[in-house]
Amino acid sequence: MSNDFELLLSFDPTGLHDAAKAWRALSNGAQSADNRHRNQVNGPLRHSNWEGEDAKLAFTTLGRTEQILEIVHVESAAVALTLDTVANRISQAQTNLKNAVHRAEEWGLTVGSDGIVNLPPLSKGEQNDPDARSDPERKALATLRGDAQDRINKALADAKEANDQGDRALGRLDADILTRPRVFGSTAETATDVKDVAKDLGLADPYVPDNKDPQKSADWWKSLTPEQQSSYLALYPDKVGGLDGLPATVRDEANRLALDQELDGLQAGNARGSGMTADEYNTREQNLMKLKEQLDQHDSAAEDKQLFLLGFDAKAYNGDGKTVIAMGNPDTADHTAVLVPGTGTTIDSTHGNLARVNDMQEAAKQASKGTNQKVSVIYWLGYDTPEIPVVQAPNLSVGWTARAEDGAEALRQFTQGTRVAQGDHHSHLSVFSHSYGTTLVGAAAAGGNGLGADDIVAIASPGMTVQRADQLHIDPSHFWTGRAADDSIEYAAGLTLGDDPMIDRFGGNNFLVDTSGHSGYWDGGESLANQGRIIVNAQPTTVPKVHTNAPSVRDH
């Protein structure tokens, strides 16, 4: 006890905190190097159309470099967390020890260099007095001695426990993760290591807002120190990436790491014991691979073409998944558009929908040519879209509003979070939707306080759960809708999902559509040009509303 007692009294946490600071700097440096490597090395080479066996080998090596940097980023942050935690706990134990010693001395007790609490020595007279040792005051003092000794022993035990916990945690954060010869599994192991380190240290789950109030999430994030923010990004990316209201750059960094960890774990494992069938397992793995490929293809892209992964979940909706991706930074854009897709859209549809996002952005840039205004377009697949009905498996969900109503709050929260993240920079916000996506947008805009959008656009709508545009929490003059002359969705409009937005009774504006079919609205012409004009708050080409004497859906 002697050595432990003196060591704890003289403990200086500065060394551990300095070491933690150095490890955190290494973590941040690895993250920064990873970003530069993606955007300045790997990305440009991918855009160079380099092909062949040499290219395959090079890209494998470059990918391994990025994996190593990612591992160093996470593991170093875990080391820093461990060192800081141990330093803080031993410091607290030291404080408790000093308080115990001080209290003992106040009681007239003495504490030896071995940490043993002693009663004051008896005087010569008392030594020869047989009643002195049984004196009530001395008995009371003996009781206090036991209390003081317990406090000292507890402080020493706490310090030892903190030290032992740190040893266990650091023991699992070794270089083996970088040197073991394996193709997959190392990145996924970093996520497991973080959880195990937390268990070793006896840490409770870190506080993260419940993602129900974007402003609350934003205020929490801003309350953290830069060191705390970097630790959360490295250690808890899956919790941070989904928080509406946080900056797009923060969410993108967190979600890319979480994506790499989840995908690497799937590639290293198999369906056995996963709770999934082989087909479900393979589908999830393939969906994440495709999502990562889309992100990788835009590395080193121009500023307005950079992708920001604002959310993803390959497990959601029985494997259909969800994903939210912005092209261009919505936090700094002058104009921000959100595209909500319709029936049959899954995470597997990301490639085609990003092509639409790109077309919308280009149309917006053309409509605002010469102004140098920034445009961000966000692909929002944050709800369970109805499946495409087939004869063998008729799907009733596409004909009812339940899926739209279930996803409405998530869209309201997302657009609110977009506003919160923009702060004082108020971007012109327009919410676009296609097919059943218009039903969701209608349900979201009609509920709560609406979407907070400057414009709402419904393309090929079968109905928006409402009878009139003024029920969407927006001035009807800023509601726009369009439908191709040969789009068969016309036959579903006004049946079970709400009144047809094209009719005069609904209100708002009809814009000119000159393309064909249910999915041709992004093929060019005035159909696409008008979308671009609305995005940048310019006047689209309009056509008269459709006159009808048919009763409202609600009147049936």
Protein backbone atom coordinates (compact mmCIF):
# COMPACT_ATOMS: atom_id res chain seq x y z
CA MET A 1 0.00 0.00 0.00
CA SER A 2 2.91 2.30 0.76
CA ASN A 3 4.01 2.63 -2.84
CA ASP A 4 0.46 3.02 -4.16
CA PHE A 5 -0.36 5.64 -1.54
CA GLU A 6 2.64 7.80 -2.34
CA LEU A 7 2.22 7.33 -6.10
CA LEU A 8 -1.38 8.44 -5.99
CA LEU A 9 -0.61 11.48 -3.82
CA SER A 10 2.04 12.61 -6.31
CA PHE A 11 0.12 11.63 -9.48
CA ASP A 12 0.24 14.28 -12.24
CA PRO A 13 -2.37 13.72 -15.01
CA THR A 14 -0.60 16.08 -17.40
CA GLY A 15 1.44 13.31 -19.00
CA LEU A 16 -1.58 11.16 -19.81
CA HIS A 17 -3.57 14.13 -21.10
CA ASP A 18 -0.66 15.23 -23.27
CA ALA A 19 -0.37 11.71 -24.66
CA ALA A 20 -4.12 11.67 -25.35
CA LYS A 21 -3.79 14.99 -27.15
CA ALA A 22 -1.02 13.55 -29.34
CA TRP A 23 -3.09 10.46 -30.17
CA ARG A 24 -6.06 12.67 -31.00
CA ALA A 25 -3.87 14.73 -33.31
CA LEU A 26 -2.79 11.50 -35.01
CA SER A 27 -6.44 10.53 -35.40
CA ASN A 28 -7.34 13.87 -36.95
CA GLY A 29 -4.28 13.78 -39.16
CA ALA A 30 -5.20 10.33 -40.47
CA GLN A 31 -8.74 11.53 -41.22
CA SER A 32 -7.41 14.59 -43.04
CA ALA A 33 -4.94 12.46 -45.02
CA ASP A 34 -7.73 10.03 -45.92
CA ASN A 35 -9.85 12.89 -47.32
CA ARG A 36 -6.93 14.29 -49.30
CA HIS A 37 -6.08 10.84 -50.64
CA ARG A 38 -9.66 10.29 -51.81
CA ASN A 39 -9.97 13.68 -53.44
CA GLN A 40 -6.44 14.25 -54.75
CA VAL A 41 -5.14 10.75 -55.54
CA ASN A 42 -7.76 8.03 -55.82
CA GLY A 43 -10.53 10.25 -57.15
CA PRO A 44 -8.58 11.78 -60.06
CA LEU A 45 -7.29 8.36 -61.08
CA ARG A 46 -10.83 7.00 -61.17
CA HIS A 47 -11.85 9.90 -63.39
CA SER A 48 -8.91 9.25 -65.71
CA ASN A 49 -10.58 6.11 -67.10
CA TRP A 50 -7.48 4.09 -66.27
CA GLU A 51 -8.26 0.42 -66.90
CA GLY A 52 -6.56 -2.96 -67.13
CA GLU A 53 -4.75 -5.27 -64.72
CA ASP A 54 -2.32 -2.59 -63.59
CA ALA A 55 -5.23 -0.30 -62.78
CA LYS A 56 -7.01 -3.01 -60.76
CA LEU A 57 -3.87 -3.68 -58.74
CA ALA A 58 -3.25 0.03 -58.19
CA PHE A 59 -6.80 0.72 -57.06
CA THR A 60 -6.62 -2.21 -54.65
CA THR A 61 -3.42 -0.77 -53.17
CA LEU A 62 -4.87 2.74 -53.01
CA GLY A 63 -7.97 1.39 -51.35
CA ARG A 64 -5.83 -0.39 -48.77
CA THR A 65 -4.04 2.91 -48.06
CA GLU A 66 -7.35 4.60 -47.35
CA GLN A 67 -8.40 1.66 -45.18
CA ILE A 68 -5.22 1.97 -43.10
CA LEU A 69 -5.79 5.68 -42.62
CA GLU A 70 -9.37 5.00 -41.55
CA ILE A 71 -8.21 2.38 -39.05
CA VAL A 72 -5.59 4.73 -37.60
CA HIS A 73 -8.24 7.44 -37.36
CA VAL A 74 -10.59 5.32 -35.24
CA GLU A 75 -8.07 3.35 -33.17
CA SER A 76 -6.07 6.47 -32.27
CA ALA A 77 -9.24 8.20 -31.12
CA ALA A 78 -10.01 5.17 -28.95
CA VAL A 79 -6.51 5.36 -27.40
CA ALA A 80 -7.03 9.06 -26.68
CA LEU A 81 -10.39 8.33 -25.06
CA THR A 82 -8.79 5.64 -22.89
CA LEU A 83 -5.91 7.85 -21.73
CA ASP A 84 -8.16 10.78 -20.91
CA THR A 85 -10.63 8.56 -19.08
CA VAL A 86 -7.93 6.91 -16.98
CA ALA A 87 -6.29 10.27 -16.21
CA ASN A 88 -9.58 11.78 -15.11
CA ARG A 89 -10.50 8.82 -12.93
CA ILE A 90 -7.12 8.64 -11.23
CA SER A 91 -7.26 12.40 -10.69
CA GLN A 92 -10.62 11.99 -9.00
CA ALA A 93 -9.23 9.17 -6.86
CA GLN A 94 -6.31 11.44 -5.93
CA THR A 95 -8.72 14.19 -4.90
CA ASN A 96 -10.68 11.72 -2.80
CA LEU A 97 -7.46 10.49 -1.19
CA LYS A 98 -6.28 13.98 -0.30
CA ASN A 99 -9.71 14.81 1.12
CA ALA A 100 -9.60 11.65 3.24
CA VAL A 101 -6.15 12.51 4.58
CA HIS A 102 -7.22 16.07 5.31
CA ARG A 103 -10.34 14.86 7.11
CA ALA A 104 -8.28 12.40 9.19
CA GLU A 105 -5.93 15.17 10.23
CA GLU A 106 -8.87 17.40 11.17
CA TRP A 107 -10.04 14.61 13.46
CA GLY A 108 -6.68 14.57 15.17
CA LEU A 109 -5.52 11.40 13.42
CA THR A 110 -2.22 10.86 11.65
CA VAL A 111 -1.65 9.16 8.30
CA GLY A 112 1.65 7.46 7.72
CA SER A 113 3.60 7.30 4.48
CA ASP A 114 2.20 3.81 4.06
CA GLY A 115 -1.39 5.12 4.00
CA ILE A 116 -2.23 3.68 7.40
CA VAL A 117 -4.36 5.88 9.66
CA ASN A 118 -3.15 6.01 13.28
CA LEU A 119 -4.68 7.19 16.52
CA PRO A 120 -2.73 9.91 18.30
CA PRO A 121 -0.14 8.32 20.63
CA LEU A 122 -0.95 8.03 24.31
CA SER A 123 0.94 10.26 26.69
CA LYS A 124 3.27 8.67 29.21
CA GLY A 125 0.66 9.08 31.85
CA GLU A 126 -2.04 7.51 29.69
CA GLN A 127 0.23 4.62 28.81
CA ASN A 128 0.24 3.63 32.49
CA ASP A 129 -3.50 4.22 32.91
CA PRO A 130 -5.49 1.02 32.24
CA ASP A 131 -8.67 3.05 31.67
CA ALA A 132 -7.16 5.40 29.08
CA ARG A 133 -7.60 3.03 26.14
CA SER A 134 -11.27 2.55 26.96
CA ASP A 135 -11.96 6.24 27.28
CA PRO A 136 -15.18 7.13 25.38
CA GLU A 137 -13.46 9.91 23.44
CA ARG A 138 -10.71 7.57 22.31
CA LYS A 139 -13.29 4.96 21.30
CA ALA A 140 -15.07 7.59 19.21
CA LEU A 141 -11.75 8.53 17.67
CA ALA A 142 -11.11 4.89 16.84
CA THR A 143 -14.41 4.80 14.96
CA LEU A 144 -13.36 7.88 12.98
CA ARG A 145 -10.05 6.20 12.29
CA GLY A 146 -11.87 3.28 10.67
CA ASP A 147 -13.93 5.66 8.53
CA ALA A 148 -10.84 7.55 7.38
CA GLN A 149 -9.03 4.31 6.57
CA ASP A 150 -12.01 3.10 4.51
CA ARG A 151 -11.95 6.33 2.51
CA ILE A 152 -8.24 6.03 1.83
CA ASN A 153 -8.57 2.40 0.85
CA LYS A 154 -11.47 3.25 -1.47
CA ALA A 155 -9.47 5.97 -3.22
CA LEU A 156 -6.53 3.59 -3.72
CA ALA A 157 -8.86 0.88 -5.03
CA ASP A 158 -10.51 3.31 -7.47
CA ALA A 159 -7.13 4.37 -8.82
CA LYS A 160 -6.06 0.75 -9.27
CA GLU A 161 -9.33 -0.10 -11.01
CA ALA A 162 -8.90 2.82 -13.41
CA ASN A 163 -5.35 1.71 -14.14
CA ASP A 164 -6.41 -1.89 -14.74
CA GLN A 165 -9.28 -0.81 -16.99
CA GLY A 166 -6.89 1.30 -19.03
CA ASP A 167 -4.49 -1.62 -19.37
CA ARG A 168 -7.26 -3.86 -20.67
CA ALA A 169 -8.52 -1.25 -23.11
CA LEU A 170 -5.09 -0.38 -24.49
CA GLY A 171 -4.26 -4.06 -24.72
CA ARG A 172 -6.85 -4.58 -27.44
CA LEU A 173 -5.78 -1.46 -29.39
CA ASP A 174 -2.57 -2.94 -30.77
CA ALA A 175 -0.92 -2.89 -34.17
CA ASP A 176 -2.18 -6.36 -35.08
CA ILE A 177 -5.17 -4.78 -36.78
CA LEU A 178 -2.81 -3.29 -39.36
CA THR A 179 -0.43 -6.21 -39.81
CA ARG A 180 -2.71 -9.25 -39.95
CA PRO A 181 -2.95 -10.43 -43.58
CA ARG A 182 -6.64 -10.28 -44.46
CA VAL A 183 -8.71 -8.69 -47.21
CA PHE A 184 -11.79 -7.75 -45.18
CA GLY A 185 -12.66 -7.24 -41.53
CA SER A 186 -10.13 -4.69 -40.25
CA THR A 187 -12.33 -1.63 -40.73
CA ALA A 188 -15.30 -3.40 -39.16
CA GLU A 189 -13.08 -4.41 -36.24
CA THR A 190 -12.51 -0.75 -35.38
CA ALA A 191 -16.20 -0.37 -34.57
CA THR A 192 -16.06 -3.51 -32.42
CA ASP A 193 -12.92 -2.24 -30.68
CA VAL A 194 -14.65 1.01 -29.75
CA LYS A 195 -17.52 -0.89 -28.13
CA ASP A 196 -15.14 -3.22 -26.31
CA VAL A 197 -13.02 -0.32 -25.06
CA ALA A 198 -16.15 1.32 -23.70
CA LYS A 199 -16.97 -1.91 -21.85
CA ASP A 200 -13.42 -2.19 -20.53
CA LEU A 201 -13.63 1.34 -19.17
CA GLY A 202 -17.14 0.85 -17.83
CA LEU A 203 -18.40 3.78 -19.90
CA ALA A 204 -22.12 4.27 -20.41
CA ASP A 205 -23.41 4.85 -23.93
CA PRO A 206 -22.42 8.38 -24.97
CA TYR A 207 -25.13 10.99 -24.93
CA VAL A 208 -26.50 11.72 -28.39
CA PRO A 209 -29.79 13.60 -28.94
CA ASP A 210 -32.79 11.47 -29.90
CA ASN A 211 -33.04 13.05 -33.37
CA LYS A 212 -36.53 14.37 -32.81
CA ASP A 213 -35.60 18.05 -32.67
CA PRO A 214 -32.99 19.32 -35.22
CA GLN A 215 -32.40 22.52 -33.26
CA LYS A 216 -31.68 20.52 -30.12
CA SER A 217 -29.22 18.35 -32.06
CA ALA A 218 -27.51 21.41 -33.55
CA ASP A 219 -27.21 23.11 -30.15
CA TRP A 220 -25.73 19.93 -28.65
CA TRP A 221 -23.14 19.67 -31.41
CA LYS A 222 -22.13 23.31 -31.07
CA SER A 223 -21.77 22.84 -27.29
CA LEU A 224 -19.00 20.28 -27.80
CA THR A 225 -15.35 21.26 -27.94
CA PRO A 226 -13.48 20.54 -31.20
CA GLU A 227 -11.78 17.64 -29.42
CA GLN A 228 -15.12 16.19 -28.35
CA GLN A 229 -16.53 16.59 -31.85
CA SER A 230 -13.61 14.76 -33.42
CA SER A 231 -13.98 11.95 -30.86
CA TYR A 232 -17.69 11.55 -31.60
CA LEU A 233 -17.01 11.45 -35.34
CA ALA A 234 -14.35 8.77 -34.99
CA LEU A 235 -15.93 6.65 -32.27
CA TYR A 236 -19.69 6.97 -32.82
CA PRO A 237 -20.22 7.76 -36.52
CA ASP A 238 -23.41 5.72 -36.76
CA LYS A 239 -25.00 7.87 -34.05
CA VAL A 240 -23.82 11.24 -35.36
CA GLY A 241 -24.45 10.76 -39.08
CA GLY A 242 -28.22 10.51 -38.81
CA LEU A 243 -28.80 13.70 -36.80
CA ASP A 244 -30.86 16.26 -38.70
CA GLY A 245 -29.66 19.78 -38.00
CA LEU A 246 -25.93 19.01 -38.04
CA PRO A 247 -23.67 20.42 -40.79
CA ALA A 248 -23.63 18.44 -44.03
CA THR A 249 -19.84 18.04 -43.84
CA VAL A 250 -20.13 16.50 -40.36
CA ARG A 251 -22.86 14.07 -41.37
CA ASP A 252 -20.99 13.10 -44.52
CA GLU A 253 -17.77 12.31 -42.63
CA ALA A 254 -19.63 10.25 -40.03
CA ASN A 255 -21.78 8.34 -42.51
CA ARG A 256 -18.90 7.47 -44.84
CA LEU A 257 -17.02 5.90 -41.93
CA ALA A 258 -20.13 4.05 -40.72
CA LEU A 259 -20.75 2.83 -44.28
CA ASP A 260 -17.19 1.51 -44.61
CA GLN A 261 -17.40 -0.26 -41.25
CA GLU A 262 -20.73 -1.92 -42.02
CA LEU A 263 -19.76 -2.94 -45.55
CA ASP A 264 -16.40 -4.32 -44.42
CA GLY A 265 -18.15 -6.39 -41.77
CA LEU A 266 -20.53 -7.86 -44.34
CA GLN A 267 -17.67 -8.63 -46.73
CA ALA A 268 -15.74 -10.36 -43.97
CA GLY A 269 -18.66 -12.48 -42.79
CA ASN A 270 -21.54 -14.53 -44.12
CA ALA A 271 -25.24 -15.05 -43.54
CA ARG A 272 -24.75 -17.79 -40.95
CA GLY A 273 -25.68 -16.41 -37.54
CA SER A 274 -26.59 -12.99 -38.94
CA GLY A 275 -30.34 -13.44 -38.67
CA MET A 276 -30.60 -12.99 -42.44
CA THR A 277 -31.10 -15.42 -45.28
CA ALA A 278 -28.26 -15.72 -47.77
CA ASP A 279 -30.26 -13.65 -50.28
CA GLU A 280 -30.97 -10.93 -47.72
CA TYR A 281 -27.34 -10.84 -46.66
CA ASN A 282 -26.08 -10.62 -50.24
CA THR A 283 -28.63 -7.93 -51.11
CA ARG A 284 -27.56 -5.77 -48.19
CA GLU A 285 -23.90 -6.19 -49.09
CA GLN A 286 -24.52 -5.41 -52.76
CA ASN A 287 -26.62 -2.34 -51.92
CA LEU A 288 -23.87 -0.90 -49.72
CA MET A 289 -21.24 -1.68 -52.36
CA LYS A 290 -23.26 0.20 -54.97
CA LEU A 291 -23.77 3.11 -52.62
CA LYS A 292 -20.04 3.31 -51.91
CA GLU A 293 -19.26 3.10 -55.63
CA GLN A 294 -21.51 6.09 -56.29
CA LEU A 295 -19.74 8.09 -53.61
CA ASP A 296 -16.30 7.03 -54.85
CA GLN A 297 -17.12 8.08 -58.41
CA HIS A 298 -17.63 11.65 -57.23
CA ASP A 299 -14.37 11.91 -55.28
CA SER A 300 -12.36 14.86 -56.61
CA ALA A 301 -15.46 16.21 -58.36
CA ALA A 302 -15.99 19.94 -58.74
CA GLU A 303 -17.39 21.67 -55.68
CA ASP A 304 -20.97 21.69 -56.94
CA LYS A 305 -20.78 17.98 -57.88
CA GLN A 306 -19.40 16.76 -54.56
CA LEU A 307 -21.67 14.28 -52.80
CA PHE A 308 -22.61 14.51 -49.13
CA LEU A 309 -23.95 11.32 -47.56
CA LEU A 310 -26.52 12.71 -45.13
CA GLY A 311 -27.97 9.38 -44.09
CA PHE A 312 -28.25 5.70 -44.97
CA ASP A 313 -29.66 2.49 -43.56
CA ALA A 314 -29.33 -0.70 -45.58
CA LYS A 315 -31.42 -2.61 -43.05
CA ALA A 316 -34.48 -0.37 -43.20
CA TYR A 317 -37.78 -1.44 -44.69
CA ASN A 318 -36.97 -5.14 -44.99
CA GLY A 319 -33.78 -4.47 -46.90
CA ASP A 320 -35.15 -1.89 -49.35
CA GLY A 321 -33.02 0.57 -47.41
CA LYS A 322 -32.96 4.32 -47.20
CA THR A 323 -30.40 6.91 -48.20
CA VAL A 324 -30.12 10.69 -48.32
CA ILE A 325 -27.47 12.23 -50.58
CA ALA A 326 -26.85 15.86 -51.47
CA MET A 327 -25.08 16.98 -54.63
CA GLY A 328 -23.46 20.22 -53.59
CA ASN A 329 -23.37 21.46 -50.01
CA PRO A 330 -26.90 22.46 -48.92
CA ASP A 331 -25.54 24.47 -45.98
CA THR A 332 -23.88 27.01 -48.28
CA ALA A 333 -26.07 26.81 -51.39
CA ASP A 334 -28.13 29.77 -52.59
CA HIS A 335 -30.81 27.35 -53.76
CA THR A 336 -31.55 23.93 -52.30
CA ALA A 337 -33.92 21.39 -53.82
CA VAL A 338 -35.07 18.10 -52.29
CA LEU A 339 -36.22 15.27 -54.56
CA VAL A 340 -38.55 12.65 -53.04
CA PRO A 341 -38.90 9.56 -55.29
CA GLY A 342 -41.92 7.33 -55.71
CA THR A 343 -43.07 3.75 -56.02
CA GLY A 344 -40.49 0.98 -56.24
CA THR A 345 -37.50 3.12 -55.24
CA THR A 346 -34.92 1.37 -53.07
CA ILE A 347 -31.32 1.96 -52.10
CA ASP A 348 -30.48 -0.03 -55.24
CA SER A 349 -31.99 2.84 -57.27
CA THR A 350 -29.38 5.36 -56.10
CA HIS A 351 -27.50 5.56 -59.41
CA GLY A 352 -30.55 6.50 -61.48
CA ASN A 353 -31.82 9.02 -58.95
CA LEU A 354 -28.42 10.71 -58.65
CA ALA A 355 -28.54 11.11 -62.43
CA ARG A 356 -31.87 12.92 -61.99
CA VAL A 357 -30.37 15.06 -59.23
CA ASN A 358 -27.51 15.99 -61.55
CA ASP A 359 -29.94 16.88 -64.37
CA MET A 360 -31.96 19.08 -62.03
CA GLN A 361 -28.84 20.86 -60.83
CA GLU A 362 -27.65 21.47 -64.39
CA ALA A 363 -31.08 22.82 -65.36
CA ALA A 364 -30.99 25.14 -62.35
CA LYS A 365 -27.52 26.38 -63.28
CA GLN A 366 -28.74 27.06 -66.80
CA ALA A 367 -31.75 28.98 -65.46
CA SER A 368 -29.49 31.13 -63.29
CA LYS A 369 -26.66 31.44 -65.81
CA GLY A 370 -24.35 34.36 -65.14
CA THR A 371 -25.29 34.74 -61.49
CA ASN A 372 -22.70 32.37 -59.94
CA GLN A 373 -25.36 31.11 -57.56
CA LYS A 374 -24.71 27.79 -55.85
CA VAL A 375 -27.25 24.99 -56.20
CA SER A 376 -27.59 21.87 -54.06
CA VAL A 377 -30.03 19.09 -54.92
CA ILE A 378 -30.77 16.40 -52.35
CA TYR A 379 -32.02 12.90 -53.09
CA TRP A 380 -34.21 11.96 -50.13
CA LEU A 381 -35.14 8.29 -49.85
CA GLY A 382 -36.17 8.39 -46.22
CA TYR A 383 -39.40 6.44 -46.33
CA ASP A 384 -40.72 3.01 -47.22
CA THR A 385 -41.84 3.41 -50.82
CA PRO A 386 -44.67 1.15 -52.04
CA GLU A 387 -43.55 -1.82 -54.08
CA ILE A 388 -44.39 -1.91 -57.77
CA PRO A 389 -47.54 -4.03 -58.09
CA VAL A 390 -47.33 -7.12 -60.31
CA VAL A 391 -49.94 -9.68 -61.30
CA GLN A 392 -48.27 -12.42 -59.26
CA ALA A 393 -48.06 -10.21 -56.14
CA PRO A 394 -50.62 -7.42 -56.20
CA ASN A 395 -49.57 -4.54 -53.97
CA LEU A 396 -52.26 -2.51 -52.25
CA SER A 397 -49.94 -0.06 -50.45
CA VAL A 398 -49.46 2.00 -53.62
CA GLY A 399 -53.17 2.82 -53.62
CA TRP A 400 -53.39 4.10 -50.06
CA THR A 401 -51.85 6.90 -48.05
CA ALA A 402 -50.43 4.80 -45.18
CA ARG A 403 -46.82 4.71 -46.47
CA ALA A 404 -46.96 8.47 -47.09
CA GLU A 405 -48.36 9.24 -43.66
CA ASP A 406 -45.77 6.98 -42.01
CA GLY A 407 -42.90 8.87 -43.67
CA ALA A 408 -44.32 12.38 -43.36
CA GLU A 409 -42.74 13.31 -40.04
CA ALA A 410 -39.29 12.18 -41.20
CA LEU A 411 -39.47 14.53 -44.21
CA ARG A 412 -40.72 17.44 -42.08
CA GLN A 413 -37.85 16.87 -39.69
CA PHE A 414 -35.34 16.68 -42.53
CA THR A 415 -36.37 19.96 -44.13
CA GLN A 416 -36.42 21.60 -40.71
CA GLY A 417 -32.93 20.21 -40.10
CA THR A 418 -31.80 21.60 -43.43
CA ARG A 419 -32.92 25.05 -42.35
CA VAL A 420 -31.27 24.66 -38.94
CA ALA A 421 -27.96 23.59 -40.47
CA GLN A 422 -28.01 26.60 -42.79
CA GLY A 423 -28.30 28.92 -39.81
CA ASP A 424 -28.56 32.56 -40.79
CA HIS A 425 -27.91 31.63 -44.42
CA HIS A 426 -31.48 31.20 -45.71
CA SER A 427 -31.30 29.20 -48.92
CA HIS A 428 -34.27 29.18 -51.29
CA LEU A 429 -35.73 25.73 -50.56
CA SER A 430 -37.93 23.80 -52.96
CA VAL A 431 -39.29 20.30 -52.38
CA PHE A 432 -39.80 18.21 -55.53
CA SER A 433 -41.52 14.85 -55.66
CA HIS A 434 -42.45 12.25 -58.23
CA SER A 435 -45.33 9.78 -58.39
CA TYR A 436 -46.14 8.35 -54.93
CA GLY A 437 -43.46 10.67 -53.57
CA THR A 438 -45.94 13.51 -54.15
CA THR A 439 -48.36 11.71 -51.83
CA LEU A 440 -45.71 11.68 -49.13
CA VAL A 441 -44.85 15.34 -49.70
CA GLY A 442 -48.54 16.19 -49.49
CA ALA A 443 -48.93 14.36 -46.18
CA ALA A 444 -45.75 15.98 -44.81
CA ALA A 445 -46.65 19.49 -45.96
CA ALA A 446 -50.22 19.25 -44.65
CA GLY A 447 -49.20 18.01 -41.21
CA GLY A 448 -47.54 19.79 -38.31
CA ASN A 449 -46.08 23.11 -39.36
CA GLY A 450 -45.48 21.97 -42.92
CA LEU A 451 -42.16 21.64 -44.72
CA GLY A 452 -40.94 25.22 -44.40
CA ALA A 453 -40.34 25.20 -48.16
CA ASP A 454 -40.45 28.21 -50.47
CA ASP A 455 -41.85 26.10 -53.29
CA ILE A 456 -43.47 22.66 -53.54
CA VAL A 457 -43.41 20.75 -56.82
CA ALA A 458 -45.48 17.64 -57.56
CA ILE A 459 -44.55 15.71 -60.71
CA ALA A 460 -46.85 12.98 -62.04
CA SER A 461 -48.96 13.04 -58.90
CA PRO A 462 -51.70 10.49 -58.17
CA GLY A 463 -52.84 12.67 -55.24
CA MET A 464 -51.36 14.47 -52.24
CA THR A 465 -53.78 13.44 -49.44
CA VAL A 466 -55.43 16.88 -49.62
CA GLN A 467 -58.08 18.66 -51.69
CA ARG A 468 -56.38 22.00 -52.20
CA ALA A 469 -52.90 23.51 -52.42
CA ASP A 470 -53.64 25.91 -49.58
CA GLN A 471 -53.77 22.92 -47.24
CA LEU A 472 -50.01 22.37 -47.74
CA HIS A 473 -48.85 25.23 -45.48
CA ILE A 474 -47.71 27.20 -48.49
CA ASP A 475 -49.03 30.05 -50.62
CA PRO A 476 -50.74 28.29 -53.58
CA SER A 477 -48.86 30.61 -55.94
CA HIS A 478 -45.73 28.66 -54.94
CA PHE A 479 -47.22 25.25 -55.63
CA TRP A 480 -46.35 23.70 -59.00
CA THR A 481 -47.43 20.50 -60.67
CA GLY A 482 -46.99 18.85 -64.06
CA ARG A 483 -47.88 15.64 -65.85
CA ALA A 484 -47.03 14.25 -69.28
CA ALA A 485 -49.93 13.89 -71.68
CA ASP A 486 -49.35 10.15 -72.01
CA ASP A 487 -48.51 9.41 -68.36
CA SER A 488 -50.82 6.64 -67.21
CA ILE A 489 -50.70 7.97 -63.65
CA GLU A 490 -53.54 10.22 -64.79
CA TYR A 491 -55.93 7.30 -64.38
CA ALA A 492 -55.00 6.97 -60.69
CA ALA A 493 -55.14 10.70 -59.94
CA GLY A 494 -58.05 11.72 -57.79
CA LEU A 495 -59.05 8.20 -56.76
CA THR A 496 -57.74 7.16 -53.32
CA LEU A 497 -54.73 9.38 -52.61
CA GLY A 498 -56.33 12.80 -52.72
CA ASP A 499 -57.60 15.17 -55.40
CA ASP A 500 -55.74 15.52 -58.68
CA PRO A 501 -53.35 18.49 -58.25
CA MET A 502 -53.73 19.28 -61.96
CA ILE A 503 -57.36 20.37 -61.67
CA ASP A 504 -58.48 23.95 -61.20
CA ARG A 505 -60.20 23.31 -57.91
CA PHE A 506 -56.87 22.23 -56.34
CA GLY A 507 -55.24 25.60 -56.97
CA GLY A 508 -51.61 26.40 -57.58
CA ASN A 509 -49.87 26.33 -60.98
CA ASN A 510 -49.43 23.75 -63.72
CA PHE A 511 -46.07 23.92 -65.48
CA LEU A 512 -45.46 22.89 -69.06
CA VAL A 513 -44.40 19.28 -69.61
CA ASP A 514 -43.24 18.31 -73.10
CA THR A 515 -41.70 14.91 -72.41
CA SER A 516 -43.29 11.47 -72.56
CA GLY A 517 -44.21 8.76 -70.09
CA HIS A 518 -44.10 8.39 -66.33
CA SER A 519 -40.31 8.63 -65.99
CA GLY A 520 -39.35 11.02 -68.79
CA TYR A 521 -39.52 14.27 -66.83
CA TRP A 522 -35.72 14.44 -66.60
CA ASP A 523 -35.10 13.72 -70.29
CA GLY A 524 -34.75 17.40 -71.13
CA GLY A 525 -36.98 19.91 -72.87
CA GLU A 526 -39.28 22.26 -71.01
CA SER A 527 -40.09 19.52 -68.50
CA LEU A 528 -36.59 19.71 -67.06
CA ALA A 529 -36.00 23.38 -67.79
CA ASN A 530 -39.05 24.32 -65.76
CA GLN A 531 -37.77 22.33 -62.81
CA GLY A 532 -34.50 24.25 -63.02
CA ARG A 533 -36.36 27.56 -63.09
CA ILE A 534 -38.37 26.71 -59.99
CA ILE A 535 -35.23 25.64 -58.13
CA VAL A 536 -33.65 29.09 -58.62
CA ASN A 537 -36.89 30.96 -57.97
CA ALA A 538 -37.40 31.93 -61.62
CA GLN A 539 -40.71 31.81 -63.46
CA PRO A 540 -41.42 28.50 -65.23
CA THR A 541 -43.56 28.15 -68.31
CA THR A 542 -47.10 27.45 -67.17
CA VAL A 543 -50.23 26.01 -68.75
CA PRO A 544 -53.87 26.40 -67.67
CA LYS A 545 -55.27 24.27 -64.89
CA VAL A 546 -57.52 21.40 -65.93
CA HIS A 547 -61.21 22.18 -65.47
CA THR A 548 -63.41 19.47 -64.00
CA ASN A 549 -66.85 19.13 -62.48
CA ALA A 550 -65.99 15.79 -60.87
CA PRO A 551 -66.54 15.64 -57.10
CA SER A 552 -63.61 15.74 -54.70
CA VAL A 553 -62.19 12.48 -53.37
CA ARG A 554 -63.39 13.56 -49.93
CA ASP A 555 -66.90 13.97 -51.31
CA HIS A 556 -67.12 10.39 -52.57
